[in-house]
């Protein structure tokens, strides 16, 4: 049987690093805010795309099967971070919205993420970080090119939503809340980190 050095394989190293990064953030989020990494991903998706996604859209955006997402949403709802509202256009579906509690803890979640990234990138020069980003992006592109079109993952969260709909034309879209929370709030949080 041919030998294979798993531990020095780039795929193994990328996977191990991603899992450790996720676990580190999970611990910090649990202790600092009371949400898990999986729950935070839901909140990030809602923040980046604005409220009102269906459970199906959320599952697609997170790369999860719907049955895996439901317990995450259940816990977020139980803990008061999200609200499920019946879709006005299709009563069989729920739309997911962030609650006031999410807005209250959002800056703390960003601080947790910043702290983990600071630890992860300690001692690595900025030019090396940029090279790492470029290499990982190229790996992703290479894999996407050779993947069945139905299995491809969207490049950005925005792409997920742009494939689905135009938010401003939907009856449940609240432009004031979306602009303040989804846009300026994130920009202010990013500039505060800088």
N, C-alpha and C. Protein backbone atom coordinates (compact mmCIF):
# COMPACT_ATOMS: atom_id res chain seq x y z
N UNK A 1 0.85 -1.19 0.00
CA UNK A 1 0.00 0.00 0.00
C UNK A 1 0.89 1.24 0.00
N UNK A 2 0.62 2.21 -0.91
CA UNK A 2 1.46 3.42 -0.95
C UNK A 2 1.29 4.23 0.32
N UNK A 3 2.39 4.89 0.71
CA UNK A 3 2.31 5.71 1.92
C UNK A 3 1.86 7.13 1.55
N UNK A 4 1.28 7.80 2.52
CA UNK A 4 0.80 9.16 2.32
C UNK A 4 0.97 9.90 3.64
N UNK A 5 1.66 11.02 3.60
CA UNK A 5 1.91 11.80 4.81
C UNK A 5 0.74 12.76 5.02
N UNK A 6 -0.25 12.31 5.77
CA UNK A 6 -1.46 13.10 5.99
C UNK A 6 -1.17 14.42 6.70
N UNK A 7 -0.30 14.37 7.69
CA UNK A 7 -0.09 15.54 8.53
C UNK A 7 0.62 16.69 7.83
N UNK A 8 1.36 16.44 6.77
CA UNK A 8 1.99 17.54 6.04
C UNK A 8 1.23 17.88 4.75
N UNK A 9 0.13 17.21 4.52
CA UNK A 9 -0.71 17.46 3.36
C UNK A 9 -1.43 18.80 3.54
N UNK A 10 -1.41 19.68 2.52
CA UNK A 10 -2.07 20.98 2.67
C UNK A 10 -3.55 20.88 3.06
N UNK A 11 -4.26 19.91 2.51
CA UNK A 11 -5.67 19.77 2.86
C UNK A 11 -5.87 19.46 4.33
N UNK A 12 -5.02 18.60 4.88
CA UNK A 12 -5.09 18.28 6.31
C UNK A 12 -4.80 19.51 7.14
N UNK A 13 -3.75 20.26 6.76
CA UNK A 13 -3.36 21.45 7.53
C UNK A 13 -4.47 22.51 7.48
N UNK A 14 -5.06 22.72 6.32
CA UNK A 14 -6.15 23.70 6.19
C UNK A 14 -7.34 23.28 7.05
N UNK A 15 -7.71 22.02 6.96
CA UNK A 15 -8.85 21.51 7.73
C UNK A 15 -8.59 21.61 9.23
N UNK A 16 -7.39 21.19 9.67
CA UNK A 16 -7.05 21.25 11.10
C UNK A 16 -7.08 22.69 11.60
N UNK A 17 -6.55 23.61 10.79
CA UNK A 17 -6.52 25.02 11.18
C UNK A 17 -7.93 25.59 11.25
N UNK A 18 -8.75 25.29 10.25
CA UNK A 18 -10.13 25.79 10.24
C UNK A 18 -10.91 25.27 11.44
N UNK A 19 -10.75 24.00 11.75
CA UNK A 19 -11.46 23.43 12.90
C UNK A 19 -11.00 24.08 14.21
N UNK A 20 -9.69 24.30 14.35
CA UNK A 20 -9.17 24.92 15.56
C UNK A 20 -9.60 26.37 15.67
N UNK A 21 -9.62 27.08 14.56
CA UNK A 21 -10.08 28.46 14.56
C UNK A 21 -11.56 28.52 14.96
N UNK A 22 -12.36 27.64 14.40
CA UNK A 22 -13.80 27.59 14.74
C UNK A 22 -13.99 27.24 16.21
N UNK A 23 -13.22 26.27 16.70
CA UNK A 23 -13.35 25.85 18.10
C UNK A 23 -12.94 26.98 19.05
N UNK A 24 -11.85 27.68 18.70
CA UNK A 24 -11.40 28.79 19.54
C UNK A 24 -12.45 29.89 19.61
N UNK A 25 -13.05 30.20 18.46
CA UNK A 25 -14.09 31.22 18.44
C UNK A 25 -15.33 30.73 19.18
N UNK A 26 -15.65 29.45 19.03
CA UNK A 26 -16.80 28.88 19.74
C UNK A 26 -16.65 29.06 21.25
N UNK A 27 -15.48 28.74 21.78
CA UNK A 27 -15.23 28.87 23.22
C UNK A 27 -15.38 30.32 23.67
N UNK A 28 -14.78 31.23 22.90
CA UNK A 28 -14.83 32.65 23.27
C UNK A 28 -16.26 33.19 23.19
N UNK A 29 -17.01 32.80 22.16
CA UNK A 29 -18.40 33.25 22.03
C UNK A 29 -19.28 32.68 23.15
N UNK A 30 -19.10 31.41 23.46
CA UNK A 30 -19.89 30.79 24.55
C UNK A 30 -19.65 31.52 25.86
N UNK A 31 -18.37 31.76 26.16
CA UNK A 31 -18.02 32.38 27.45
C UNK A 31 -18.36 33.87 27.48
N UNK A 32 -18.20 34.55 26.35
CA UNK A 32 -18.39 36.00 26.33
C UNK A 32 -19.80 36.47 26.05
N UNK A 33 -20.53 35.70 25.23
CA UNK A 33 -21.83 36.18 24.77
C UNK A 33 -22.96 35.18 25.04
N UNK A 34 -22.61 33.91 25.10
CA UNK A 34 -23.64 32.89 25.32
C UNK A 34 -24.21 32.29 24.06
N UNK A 35 -23.46 32.37 22.95
CA UNK A 35 -23.86 31.72 21.71
C UNK A 35 -22.72 30.82 21.25
N UNK A 36 -23.07 29.83 20.46
CA UNK A 36 -22.05 28.95 19.89
C UNK A 36 -21.58 29.51 18.55
N UNK A 37 -20.51 28.94 18.03
CA UNK A 37 -20.03 29.34 16.72
C UNK A 37 -21.09 29.09 15.66
N UNK A 38 -21.77 27.94 15.72
CA UNK A 38 -22.83 27.63 14.76
C UNK A 38 -23.96 28.65 14.83
N UNK A 39 -24.33 29.06 16.04
CA UNK A 39 -25.38 30.06 16.21
C UNK A 39 -24.91 31.41 15.69
N UNK A 40 -23.67 31.74 15.94
CA UNK A 40 -23.12 33.01 15.48
C UNK A 40 -23.12 33.10 13.97
N UNK A 41 -22.83 31.97 13.29
CA UNK A 41 -22.87 31.97 11.82
C UNK A 41 -24.25 32.37 11.32
N UNK A 42 -25.30 31.92 12.00
CA UNK A 42 -26.67 32.31 11.64
C UNK A 42 -26.83 33.82 11.79
N UNK A 43 -26.37 34.36 12.91
CA UNK A 43 -26.50 35.79 13.16
C UNK A 43 -25.69 36.60 12.15
N UNK A 44 -24.51 36.10 11.78
CA UNK A 44 -23.69 36.78 10.77
C UNK A 44 -24.42 36.80 9.43
N UNK A 45 -25.00 35.67 9.04
CA UNK A 45 -25.73 35.61 7.78
C UNK A 45 -26.89 36.60 7.77
N UNK A 46 -27.63 36.66 8.86
CA UNK A 46 -28.75 37.61 8.94
C UNK A 46 -28.25 39.06 8.91
N UNK A 47 -27.13 39.31 9.53
CA UNK A 47 -26.58 40.67 9.57
C UNK A 47 -26.08 41.09 8.19
N UNK A 48 -25.43 40.20 7.50
CA UNK A 48 -24.87 40.52 6.19
C UNK A 48 -25.95 40.65 5.12
N UNK A 49 -27.04 39.90 5.24
CA UNK A 49 -28.05 39.88 4.20
C UNK A 49 -29.31 40.63 4.58
N UNK A 50 -29.41 41.04 5.80
CA UNK A 50 -30.59 41.67 6.38
C UNK A 50 -31.59 40.60 6.80
N UNK A 51 -32.46 40.97 7.68
CA UNK A 51 -33.44 40.03 8.22
C UNK A 51 -34.42 39.56 7.16
N UNK A 52 -35.10 38.46 7.49
CA UNK A 52 -36.19 38.00 6.65
C UNK A 52 -35.88 36.83 5.74
N UNK A 53 -34.76 36.14 5.98
CA UNK A 53 -34.47 34.96 5.19
C UNK A 53 -35.38 33.82 5.60
N UNK A 54 -35.69 32.97 4.64
CA UNK A 54 -36.43 31.75 4.98
C UNK A 54 -35.45 30.75 5.57
N UNK A 55 -35.96 29.73 6.23
CA UNK A 55 -35.09 28.70 6.79
C UNK A 55 -34.34 27.99 5.67
N UNK A 56 -34.99 27.79 4.52
CA UNK A 56 -34.33 27.14 3.39
C UNK A 56 -33.17 28.00 2.88
N UNK A 57 -33.40 29.29 2.72
CA UNK A 57 -32.34 30.19 2.27
C UNK A 57 -31.18 30.21 3.26
N UNK A 58 -31.51 30.18 4.54
CA UNK A 58 -30.46 30.18 5.55
C UNK A 58 -29.64 28.90 5.47
N UNK A 59 -30.30 27.77 5.31
CA UNK A 59 -29.58 26.50 5.20
C UNK A 59 -28.63 26.52 4.01
N UNK A 60 -29.11 27.01 2.88
CA UNK A 60 -28.28 27.12 1.68
C UNK A 60 -27.11 28.07 1.92
N UNK A 61 -27.38 29.19 2.53
CA UNK A 61 -26.34 30.19 2.78
C UNK A 61 -25.26 29.72 3.73
N UNK A 62 -25.63 28.82 4.64
CA UNK A 62 -24.67 28.30 5.61
C UNK A 62 -24.05 26.98 5.18
N UNK A 63 -24.54 26.44 4.06
CA UNK A 63 -24.02 25.15 3.61
C UNK A 63 -24.44 24.00 4.49
N UNK A 64 -25.65 24.09 5.05
CA UNK A 64 -26.18 23.06 5.94
C UNK A 64 -27.42 22.43 5.34
N UNK A 65 -27.70 21.24 5.78
CA UNK A 65 -28.98 20.61 5.46
C UNK A 65 -30.01 21.21 6.41
N UNK A 66 -31.24 21.37 5.96
CA UNK A 66 -32.29 21.98 6.78
C UNK A 66 -32.44 21.30 8.14
N UNK A 67 -32.42 19.96 8.22
CA UNK A 67 -32.56 19.33 9.55
C UNK A 67 -31.44 19.70 10.52
N UNK A 68 -30.25 20.04 10.02
CA UNK A 68 -29.15 20.46 10.89
C UNK A 68 -29.35 21.89 11.39
N UNK A 69 -30.02 22.71 10.60
CA UNK A 69 -30.21 24.12 10.96
C UNK A 69 -31.32 24.30 12.00
N UNK A 70 -32.35 23.49 11.94
CA UNK A 70 -33.52 23.69 12.80
C UNK A 70 -33.18 23.73 14.29
N UNK A 71 -32.36 22.80 14.83
CA UNK A 71 -32.04 22.91 16.26
C UNK A 71 -31.25 24.17 16.61
N UNK A 72 -30.43 24.64 15.68
CA UNK A 72 -29.68 25.88 15.91
C UNK A 72 -30.65 27.05 16.02
N UNK A 73 -31.61 27.11 15.09
CA UNK A 73 -32.62 28.17 15.13
C UNK A 73 -33.50 28.05 16.37
N UNK A 74 -33.86 26.83 16.73
CA UNK A 74 -34.68 26.62 17.93
C UNK A 74 -33.98 27.19 19.17
N UNK A 75 -32.69 26.92 19.31
CA UNK A 75 -31.94 27.40 20.48
C UNK A 75 -31.80 28.91 20.44
N UNK A 76 -31.52 29.47 19.27
CA UNK A 76 -31.44 30.93 19.15
C UNK A 76 -32.77 31.58 19.53
N UNK A 77 -33.86 30.98 19.10
CA UNK A 77 -35.17 31.53 19.43
C UNK A 77 -35.46 31.39 20.93
N UNK A 78 -35.17 30.24 21.49
CA UNK A 78 -35.39 30.01 22.92
C UNK A 78 -34.59 31.01 23.75
N UNK A 79 -33.36 31.30 23.32
CA UNK A 79 -32.50 32.22 24.06
C UNK A 79 -32.77 33.69 23.73
N UNK A 80 -33.71 33.95 22.82
CA UNK A 80 -34.12 35.32 22.54
C UNK A 80 -33.29 36.06 21.52
N UNK A 81 -32.48 35.36 20.72
CA UNK A 81 -31.64 36.03 19.73
C UNK A 81 -32.33 36.23 18.38
N UNK A 82 -33.31 35.40 18.07
CA UNK A 82 -34.02 35.53 16.80
C UNK A 82 -35.52 35.40 17.04
N UNK A 83 -36.27 35.81 16.02
CA UNK A 83 -37.72 35.62 15.99
C UNK A 83 -38.06 34.94 14.67
N UNK A 84 -38.99 34.02 14.73
CA UNK A 84 -39.53 33.43 13.51
C UNK A 84 -40.88 34.09 13.26
N UNK A 85 -41.07 34.55 12.03
CA UNK A 85 -42.34 35.16 11.66
C UNK A 85 -42.87 34.46 10.41
N UNK A 86 -44.17 34.28 10.39
CA UNK A 86 -44.80 33.63 9.24
C UNK A 86 -44.64 34.52 8.02
N UNK A 87 -44.24 33.93 6.91
CA UNK A 87 -44.08 34.63 5.64
C UNK A 87 -45.46 35.12 5.18
N UNK A 88 -45.57 36.40 4.92
CA UNK A 88 -46.85 36.97 4.49
C UNK A 88 -47.32 36.41 3.16
N UNK A 89 -46.37 36.03 2.31
CA UNK A 89 -46.72 35.54 0.98
C UNK A 89 -46.91 34.03 0.92
N UNK A 90 -46.43 33.33 1.92
CA UNK A 90 -46.56 31.87 1.96
C UNK A 90 -46.57 31.43 3.41
N UNK A 91 -47.74 31.24 3.96
CA UNK A 91 -47.90 30.94 5.38
C UNK A 91 -47.27 29.62 5.80
N UNK A 92 -46.85 28.82 4.83
CA UNK A 92 -46.17 27.56 5.17
C UNK A 92 -44.73 27.80 5.60
N UNK A 93 -44.20 28.97 5.30
CA UNK A 93 -42.80 29.27 5.58
C UNK A 93 -42.65 30.29 6.69
N UNK A 94 -41.54 30.19 7.40
CA UNK A 94 -41.15 31.18 8.38
C UNK A 94 -40.01 32.02 7.84
N UNK A 95 -39.98 33.27 8.24
CA UNK A 95 -38.85 34.17 7.96
C UNK A 95 -38.15 34.41 9.30
N UNK A 96 -36.83 34.54 9.23
CA UNK A 96 -36.03 34.67 10.45
C UNK A 96 -35.56 36.12 10.58
N UNK A 97 -35.73 36.67 11.79
CA UNK A 97 -35.33 38.04 12.10
C UNK A 97 -34.50 38.06 13.38
N UNK A 98 -33.53 38.96 13.41
CA UNK A 98 -32.76 39.16 14.64
C UNK A 98 -33.62 39.91 15.65
N UNK A 99 -33.46 39.58 16.91
CA UNK A 99 -34.19 40.28 17.97
C UNK A 99 -33.32 41.41 18.52
N UNK A 100 -33.88 42.20 19.39
CA UNK A 100 -33.12 43.27 20.03
C UNK A 100 -31.92 42.73 20.79
N UNK A 101 -32.05 41.55 21.36
CA UNK A 101 -30.94 40.95 22.10
C UNK A 101 -29.71 40.76 21.21
N UNK A 102 -29.93 40.37 19.96
CA UNK A 102 -28.82 40.21 19.03
C UNK A 102 -28.12 41.53 18.79
N UNK A 103 -28.90 42.61 18.60
CA UNK A 103 -28.30 43.92 18.38
C UNK A 103 -27.50 44.36 19.60
N UNK A 104 -27.97 44.00 20.79
CA UNK A 104 -27.28 44.39 22.02
C UNK A 104 -25.93 43.69 22.18
N UNK A 105 -25.80 42.46 21.70
CA UNK A 105 -24.56 41.71 21.90
C UNK A 105 -23.67 41.68 20.66
N UNK A 106 -24.13 42.26 19.55
CA UNK A 106 -23.39 42.15 18.29
C UNK A 106 -21.95 42.63 18.41
N UNK A 107 -21.73 43.80 19.00
CA UNK A 107 -20.37 44.33 19.13
C UNK A 107 -19.50 43.37 19.94
N UNK A 108 -20.06 42.75 20.95
CA UNK A 108 -19.29 41.78 21.75
C UNK A 108 -18.91 40.56 20.93
N UNK A 109 -19.79 40.13 20.01
CA UNK A 109 -19.44 38.98 19.16
C UNK A 109 -18.30 39.35 18.21
N UNK A 110 -18.33 40.57 17.68
CA UNK A 110 -17.25 41.01 16.81
C UNK A 110 -15.93 41.11 17.57
N UNK A 111 -16.01 41.52 18.81
CA UNK A 111 -14.80 41.59 19.64
C UNK A 111 -14.23 40.19 19.88
N UNK A 112 -15.09 39.22 20.10
CA UNK A 112 -14.63 37.83 20.24
C UNK A 112 -13.89 37.37 18.99
N UNK A 113 -14.47 37.64 17.84
CA UNK A 113 -13.85 37.25 16.56
C UNK A 113 -12.52 37.96 16.37
N UNK A 114 -12.46 39.23 16.71
CA UNK A 114 -11.22 39.99 16.58
C UNK A 114 -10.13 39.42 17.48
N UNK A 115 -10.50 39.08 18.71
CA UNK A 115 -9.52 38.52 19.65
C UNK A 115 -8.96 37.19 19.14
N UNK A 116 -9.82 36.33 18.61
CA UNK A 116 -9.35 35.04 18.11
C UNK A 116 -8.43 35.23 16.91
N UNK A 117 -8.80 36.13 16.00
CA UNK A 117 -7.94 36.38 14.83
C UNK A 117 -6.61 37.00 15.24
N UNK A 118 -6.61 37.85 16.23
CA UNK A 118 -5.37 38.45 16.72
C UNK A 118 -4.45 37.37 17.27
N UNK A 119 -5.01 36.45 18.03
CA UNK A 119 -4.22 35.33 18.56
C UNK A 119 -3.72 34.45 17.41
N UNK A 120 -4.60 34.13 16.48
CA UNK A 120 -4.25 33.23 15.38
C UNK A 120 -3.14 33.81 14.49
N UNK A 121 -3.15 35.11 14.29
CA UNK A 121 -2.21 35.73 13.36
C UNK A 121 -1.00 36.35 14.05
N UNK A 122 -0.87 36.13 15.36
CA UNK A 122 0.25 36.70 16.12
C UNK A 122 1.58 36.23 15.53
N UNK A 123 2.48 37.18 15.32
CA UNK A 123 3.81 36.86 14.84
C UNK A 123 3.89 36.61 13.34
N UNK A 124 2.80 36.82 12.63
CA UNK A 124 2.80 36.62 11.18
C UNK A 124 2.72 38.00 10.52
N UNK A 125 3.71 38.28 9.68
CA UNK A 125 3.77 39.58 9.00
C UNK A 125 2.55 39.77 8.10
N UNK A 126 2.12 41.02 7.96
CA UNK A 126 0.94 41.35 7.16
C UNK A 126 1.07 40.86 5.72
N UNK A 127 2.27 40.94 5.14
CA UNK A 127 2.45 40.48 3.77
C UNK A 127 2.25 38.96 3.67
N UNK A 128 2.62 38.23 4.72
CA UNK A 128 2.41 36.77 4.73
C UNK A 128 0.92 36.46 4.87
N UNK A 129 0.22 37.25 5.65
CA UNK A 129 -1.23 37.07 5.80
C UNK A 129 -1.90 37.30 4.45
N UNK A 130 -1.47 38.33 3.72
CA UNK A 130 -2.04 38.61 2.41
C UNK A 130 -1.77 37.47 1.44
N UNK A 131 -0.55 36.93 1.47
CA UNK A 131 -0.22 35.79 0.61
C UNK A 131 -1.10 34.59 0.97
N UNK A 132 -1.27 34.35 2.26
CA UNK A 132 -2.12 33.24 2.70
C UNK A 132 -3.54 33.39 2.17
N UNK A 133 -4.09 34.59 2.26
CA UNK A 133 -5.45 34.83 1.76
C UNK A 133 -5.53 34.55 0.26
N UNK A 134 -4.53 35.02 -0.47
CA UNK A 134 -4.51 34.83 -1.92
C UNK A 134 -4.40 33.35 -2.28
N UNK A 135 -3.55 32.63 -1.58
CA UNK A 135 -3.38 31.20 -1.85
C UNK A 135 -4.66 30.44 -1.53
N UNK A 136 -5.26 30.72 -0.39
CA UNK A 136 -6.50 30.02 -0.02
C UNK A 136 -7.62 30.35 -1.01
N UNK A 137 -7.68 31.59 -1.45
CA UNK A 137 -8.69 31.98 -2.44
C UNK A 137 -8.47 31.22 -3.74
N UNK A 138 -7.22 31.10 -4.16
CA UNK A 138 -6.90 30.37 -5.40
C UNK A 138 -7.25 28.89 -5.26
N UNK A 139 -7.00 28.31 -4.11
CA UNK A 139 -7.38 26.90 -3.87
C UNK A 139 -8.88 26.76 -4.01
N UNK A 140 -9.63 27.69 -3.41
CA UNK A 140 -11.10 27.65 -3.47
C UNK A 140 -11.56 27.75 -4.92
N UNK A 141 -10.97 28.68 -5.68
CA UNK A 141 -11.34 28.86 -7.09
C UNK A 141 -11.05 27.59 -7.88
N UNK A 142 -9.87 27.01 -7.68
CA UNK A 142 -9.51 25.77 -8.38
C UNK A 142 -10.52 24.66 -8.10
N UNK A 143 -10.90 24.53 -6.86
CA UNK A 143 -11.86 23.48 -6.49
C UNK A 143 -13.24 23.77 -7.09
N UNK A 144 -13.65 25.03 -7.07
CA UNK A 144 -14.94 25.40 -7.64
C UNK A 144 -15.01 25.11 -9.14
N UNK A 145 -13.92 25.38 -9.84
CA UNK A 145 -13.88 25.15 -11.29
C UNK A 145 -14.10 23.68 -11.65
N UNK A 146 -13.67 22.81 -10.77
CA UNK A 146 -13.73 21.38 -11.06
C UNK A 146 -14.87 20.68 -10.34
N UNK A 147 -15.83 21.44 -9.89
CA UNK A 147 -16.95 20.89 -9.14
C UNK A 147 -18.21 20.90 -10.00
N UNK A 148 -19.04 19.94 -9.79
CA UNK A 148 -20.35 19.91 -10.44
C UNK A 148 -21.07 21.21 -10.11
N UNK A 149 -21.69 21.88 -11.10
CA UNK A 149 -22.33 23.18 -10.83
C UNK A 149 -23.34 23.16 -9.69
N UNK A 150 -24.05 22.09 -9.50
CA UNK A 150 -25.05 22.04 -8.43
C UNK A 150 -24.41 21.96 -7.05
N UNK A 151 -23.13 21.58 -6.99
CA UNK A 151 -22.45 21.44 -5.70
C UNK A 151 -21.61 22.65 -5.34
N UNK A 152 -21.51 23.63 -6.25
CA UNK A 152 -20.66 24.79 -5.99
C UNK A 152 -21.21 25.61 -4.84
N UNK A 153 -20.29 26.21 -4.09
CA UNK A 153 -20.68 27.10 -3.00
C UNK A 153 -20.58 28.54 -3.48
N UNK A 154 -21.48 29.40 -3.03
CA UNK A 154 -21.42 30.81 -3.43
C UNK A 154 -20.12 31.44 -2.94
N UNK A 155 -19.62 32.40 -3.71
CA UNK A 155 -18.37 33.07 -3.36
C UNK A 155 -18.53 33.94 -2.13
N UNK A 156 -19.65 34.60 -2.02
CA UNK A 156 -19.89 35.49 -0.89
C UNK A 156 -21.32 35.29 -0.40
N UNK A 157 -21.57 35.78 0.78
CA UNK A 157 -22.93 35.73 1.32
C UNK A 157 -23.85 36.54 0.42
N UNK A 158 -23.37 37.67 -0.07
CA UNK A 158 -24.20 38.51 -0.94
C UNK A 158 -24.61 37.75 -2.19
N UNK A 159 -23.72 36.94 -2.72
CA UNK A 159 -24.04 36.16 -3.92
C UNK A 159 -25.19 35.19 -3.65
N UNK A 160 -25.23 34.64 -2.45
CA UNK A 160 -26.31 33.74 -2.08
C UNK A 160 -27.65 34.46 -2.23
N UNK A 161 -27.69 35.64 -1.69
CA UNK A 161 -28.93 36.38 -1.68
C UNK A 161 -29.24 36.97 -3.05
N UNK A 162 -28.23 37.44 -3.76
CA UNK A 162 -28.48 37.98 -5.10
C UNK A 162 -29.06 36.92 -6.02
N UNK A 163 -28.73 35.66 -5.78
CA UNK A 163 -29.30 34.59 -6.58
C UNK A 163 -30.77 34.38 -6.22
N UNK A 164 -31.16 34.81 -5.06
CA UNK A 164 -32.50 34.52 -4.57
C UNK A 164 -33.51 35.64 -4.82
N UNK A 165 -33.11 36.90 -4.53
CA UNK A 165 -34.12 37.95 -4.62
C UNK A 165 -33.53 39.35 -4.51
N UNK A 166 -34.38 40.29 -4.76
CA UNK A 166 -34.03 41.69 -4.63
C UNK A 166 -34.75 42.21 -3.40
N UNK A 167 -34.01 42.42 -2.30
CA UNK A 167 -34.62 42.74 -1.01
C UNK A 167 -35.54 43.95 -1.03
N UNK A 168 -35.12 44.99 -1.71
CA UNK A 168 -35.90 46.22 -1.65
C UNK A 168 -37.31 46.09 -2.20
N UNK A 169 -37.58 45.06 -2.99
CA UNK A 169 -38.89 44.89 -3.60
C UNK A 169 -39.82 44.00 -2.78
N UNK A 170 -39.32 43.45 -1.70
CA UNK A 170 -40.15 42.53 -0.92
C UNK A 170 -40.96 43.28 0.13
N UNK A 171 -42.19 42.82 0.42
CA UNK A 171 -43.06 43.55 1.34
C UNK A 171 -42.56 43.56 2.78
N UNK A 172 -41.74 42.59 3.20
CA UNK A 172 -41.30 42.55 4.58
C UNK A 172 -39.99 43.30 4.80
N UNK A 173 -39.42 43.87 3.73
CA UNK A 173 -38.14 44.57 3.83
C UNK A 173 -38.32 45.87 4.60
N UNK A 174 -37.48 46.08 5.60
CA UNK A 174 -37.52 47.29 6.40
C UNK A 174 -36.23 48.04 6.14
N UNK A 175 -36.26 49.00 5.24
CA UNK A 175 -35.03 49.66 4.79
C UNK A 175 -34.32 50.40 5.92
N UNK A 176 -35.06 51.02 6.83
CA UNK A 176 -34.41 51.75 7.92
C UNK A 176 -33.58 50.82 8.79
N UNK A 177 -34.18 49.73 9.23
CA UNK A 177 -33.48 48.81 10.11
C UNK A 177 -32.32 48.14 9.37
N UNK A 178 -32.53 47.75 8.11
CA UNK A 178 -31.49 47.07 7.34
C UNK A 178 -30.30 47.98 7.11
N UNK A 179 -30.56 49.24 6.75
CA UNK A 179 -29.46 50.14 6.47
C UNK A 179 -28.66 50.43 7.73
N UNK A 180 -29.32 50.70 8.83
CA UNK A 180 -28.62 51.04 10.06
C UNK A 180 -27.86 49.84 10.59
N UNK A 181 -28.52 48.71 10.67
CA UNK A 181 -27.89 47.55 11.28
C UNK A 181 -26.96 46.84 10.31
N UNK A 182 -27.43 46.59 9.10
CA UNK A 182 -26.64 45.83 8.16
C UNK A 182 -25.50 46.62 7.55
N UNK A 183 -25.63 47.90 7.47
CA UNK A 183 -24.61 48.69 6.80
C UNK A 183 -23.75 49.49 7.76
N UNK A 184 -24.29 50.62 8.24
CA UNK A 184 -23.51 51.53 9.07
C UNK A 184 -23.00 50.86 10.33
N UNK A 185 -23.81 50.04 10.97
CA UNK A 185 -23.39 49.41 12.21
C UNK A 185 -22.14 48.55 11.97
N UNK A 186 -22.16 47.76 10.90
CA UNK A 186 -21.01 46.92 10.61
C UNK A 186 -19.79 47.76 10.26
N UNK A 187 -20.00 48.83 9.50
CA UNK A 187 -18.88 49.70 9.13
C UNK A 187 -18.30 50.34 10.39
N UNK A 188 -19.16 50.80 11.30
CA UNK A 188 -18.70 51.40 12.54
C UNK A 188 -17.94 50.39 13.39
N UNK A 189 -18.45 49.17 13.44
CA UNK A 189 -17.79 48.13 14.21
C UNK A 189 -16.42 47.80 13.61
N UNK A 190 -16.35 47.77 12.28
CA UNK A 190 -15.07 47.49 11.63
C UNK A 190 -14.08 48.60 11.87
N UNK A 191 -14.54 49.87 11.78
CA UNK A 191 -13.61 50.98 12.00
C UNK A 191 -13.17 51.06 13.46
N UNK A 192 -14.04 50.65 14.39
CA UNK A 192 -13.68 50.65 15.80
C UNK A 192 -12.58 49.63 16.08
N UNK A 193 -12.59 48.53 15.30
CA UNK A 193 -11.55 47.51 15.48
C UNK A 193 -10.21 48.02 15.00
N UNK A 194 -10.24 48.80 13.89
CA UNK A 194 -9.02 49.23 13.22
C UNK A 194 -8.18 50.12 14.04
